[in-house]
């Protein structure tokens, strides 16, 4: 089931122009339609806020600029994202908190293979 971090990750991608609003909505709607079953109050509250903002935008009550500002307010500041390039898999985005420093290296490595 989708969690707060995944929602914010996709929201951040839209805010920063990595995906279109339509692409965000195409991901958001099927991934969050049953979030109330998760028992994750933070995820439920975030989904409710996003749905309200999208509804006000589609109803003409918010301009695109106002929608953008409203959605930005739902992200922590700063939103900690790290992009890792994998030789065969391409780039992935991972939360900064999922990385650790190897004692013998100057770089960060993922704590887990899956994100």
Protein backbone atom coordinates (compact mmCIF):
# COMPACT_ATOMS: atom_id res chain seq x y z
CA UNK A 1 0.00 0.00 0.00
CA UNK A 2 1.18 3.54 -0.76
CA UNK A 3 2.76 5.56 2.05
CA UNK A 4 3.39 9.25 2.75
CA UNK A 5 6.90 9.13 1.34
CA UNK A 6 5.78 7.61 -1.98
CA UNK A 7 3.03 10.20 -2.32
CA UNK A 8 5.41 13.05 -1.58
CA UNK A 9 7.98 11.60 -3.98
CA UNK A 10 5.48 11.71 -6.86
CA UNK A 11 4.17 15.10 -5.77
CA UNK A 12 7.74 16.41 -5.75
CA UNK A 13 8.25 15.01 -9.27
CA UNK A 14 5.25 17.03 -10.52
CA UNK A 15 6.24 20.20 -8.65
CA UNK A 16 9.74 20.02 -10.16
CA UNK A 17 8.51 19.35 -13.71
CA UNK A 18 9.68 15.73 -13.92
CA UNK A 19 6.13 14.58 -14.68
CA UNK A 20 3.00 16.39 -15.83
CA UNK A 21 -0.01 17.05 -13.62
CA UNK A 22 -1.90 14.49 -15.70
CA UNK A 23 0.81 11.89 -15.06
CA UNK A 24 0.71 12.68 -11.35
CA UNK A 25 -3.07 12.24 -11.29
CA UNK A 26 -2.82 9.02 -13.33
CA UNK A 27 -0.52 7.62 -10.64
CA UNK A 28 -2.24 9.22 -7.63
CA UNK A 29 -5.85 8.13 -8.17
CA UNK A 30 -5.38 4.33 -8.40
CA UNK A 31 -2.62 4.28 -5.77
CA UNK A 32 -4.56 6.19 -3.12
CA UNK A 33 -8.22 5.35 -3.65
CA UNK A 34 -8.25 2.94 -0.68
CA UNK A 35 -5.70 4.68 1.55
CA UNK A 36 -8.30 4.79 4.32
CA UNK A 37 -7.83 1.02 4.69
CA UNK A 38 -4.13 1.41 5.47
CA UNK A 39 -4.54 2.70 9.01
CA UNK A 40 -1.90 5.34 8.19
CA UNK A 41 -3.44 8.59 9.41
CA UNK A 42 -0.65 10.73 7.94
CA UNK A 43 -1.13 9.18 4.50
CA UNK A 44 -4.91 9.64 4.75
CA UNK A 45 -4.52 13.31 5.71
CA UNK A 46 -2.05 13.94 2.90
CA UNK A 47 -4.32 12.26 0.33
CA UNK A 48 -7.27 14.32 1.58
CA UNK A 49 -5.30 17.57 1.19
CA UNK A 50 -4.13 16.65 -2.32
CA UNK A 51 -7.64 15.61 -3.37
CA UNK A 52 -9.06 18.90 -2.05
CA UNK A 53 -6.45 20.94 -3.91
CA UNK A 54 -7.01 19.00 -7.15
CA UNK A 55 -10.77 19.39 -6.80
CA UNK A 56 -10.48 23.14 -6.23
CA UNK A 57 -8.17 23.42 -9.24
CA UNK A 58 -10.43 21.41 -11.56
CA UNK A 59 -13.43 23.42 -10.32
CA UNK A 60 -11.72 26.67 -11.26
CA UNK A 61 -11.28 27.88 -7.68
CA UNK A 62 -7.47 27.67 -7.84
CA UNK A 63 -5.18 28.78 -10.64
CA UNK A 64 -2.34 26.49 -11.65
CA UNK A 65 0.05 28.76 -9.72
CA UNK A 66 -2.13 28.55 -6.61
CA UNK A 67 -2.34 24.78 -6.98
CA UNK A 68 1.43 24.58 -7.23
CA UNK A 69 1.88 26.67 -4.07
CA UNK A 70 -0.72 24.64 -2.18
CA UNK A 71 0.97 21.38 -3.17
CA UNK A 72 4.44 22.71 -2.28
CA UNK A 73 3.17 23.36 1.23
CA UNK A 74 2.53 19.61 1.61
CA UNK A 75 6.24 18.78 1.25
CA UNK A 76 8.73 19.03 4.10
CA UNK A 77 11.39 21.67 3.64
CA UNK A 78 13.78 20.71 2.23
CA UNK A 79 12.43 17.51 0.71
CA UNK A 80 15.37 15.09 0.98
CA UNK A 81 15.76 13.24 -2.33
CA UNK A 82 18.87 11.58 -3.65
CA UNK A 83 19.10 10.28 -7.22
CA UNK A 84 21.26 7.19 -7.64
CA UNK A 85 22.42 5.99 -11.05
CA UNK A 86 22.56 2.21 -11.34
CA UNK A 87 24.56 0.90 -14.33
CA UNK A 88 21.81 -1.32 -15.74
CA UNK A 89 18.66 -0.10 -14.05
CA UNK A 90 18.94 3.63 -14.66
CA UNK A 91 18.22 6.31 -12.10
CA UNK A 92 16.13 5.82 -8.99
CA UNK A 93 15.07 8.27 -6.31
CA UNK A 94 15.54 7.24 -2.69
CA UNK A 95 14.93 8.98 0.62
CA UNK A 96 18.04 10.46 2.12
CA UNK A 97 17.28 8.61 5.35
CA UNK A 98 17.71 5.26 3.57
CA UNK A 99 21.37 5.91 2.83
CA UNK A 100 24.42 5.27 4.98
CA UNK A 101 28.07 6.15 4.62
CA UNK A 102 30.46 3.23 4.14
CA UNK A 103 33.33 3.56 6.57
CA UNK A 104 35.93 3.02 3.85
CA UNK A 105 34.23 5.10 1.16
CA UNK A 106 33.44 8.74 0.52
CA UNK A 107 30.07 7.97 -0.98
CA UNK A 108 26.64 7.04 0.31
CA UNK A 109 25.14 3.64 -0.42
CA UNK A 110 21.55 2.40 -0.10
CA UNK A 111 20.70 0.50 3.08
CA UNK A 112 18.47 -1.83 1.08
CA UNK A 113 18.48 -3.02 -2.51
CA UNK A 114 14.83 -2.14 -3.05
CA UNK A 115 13.24 1.24 -2.61
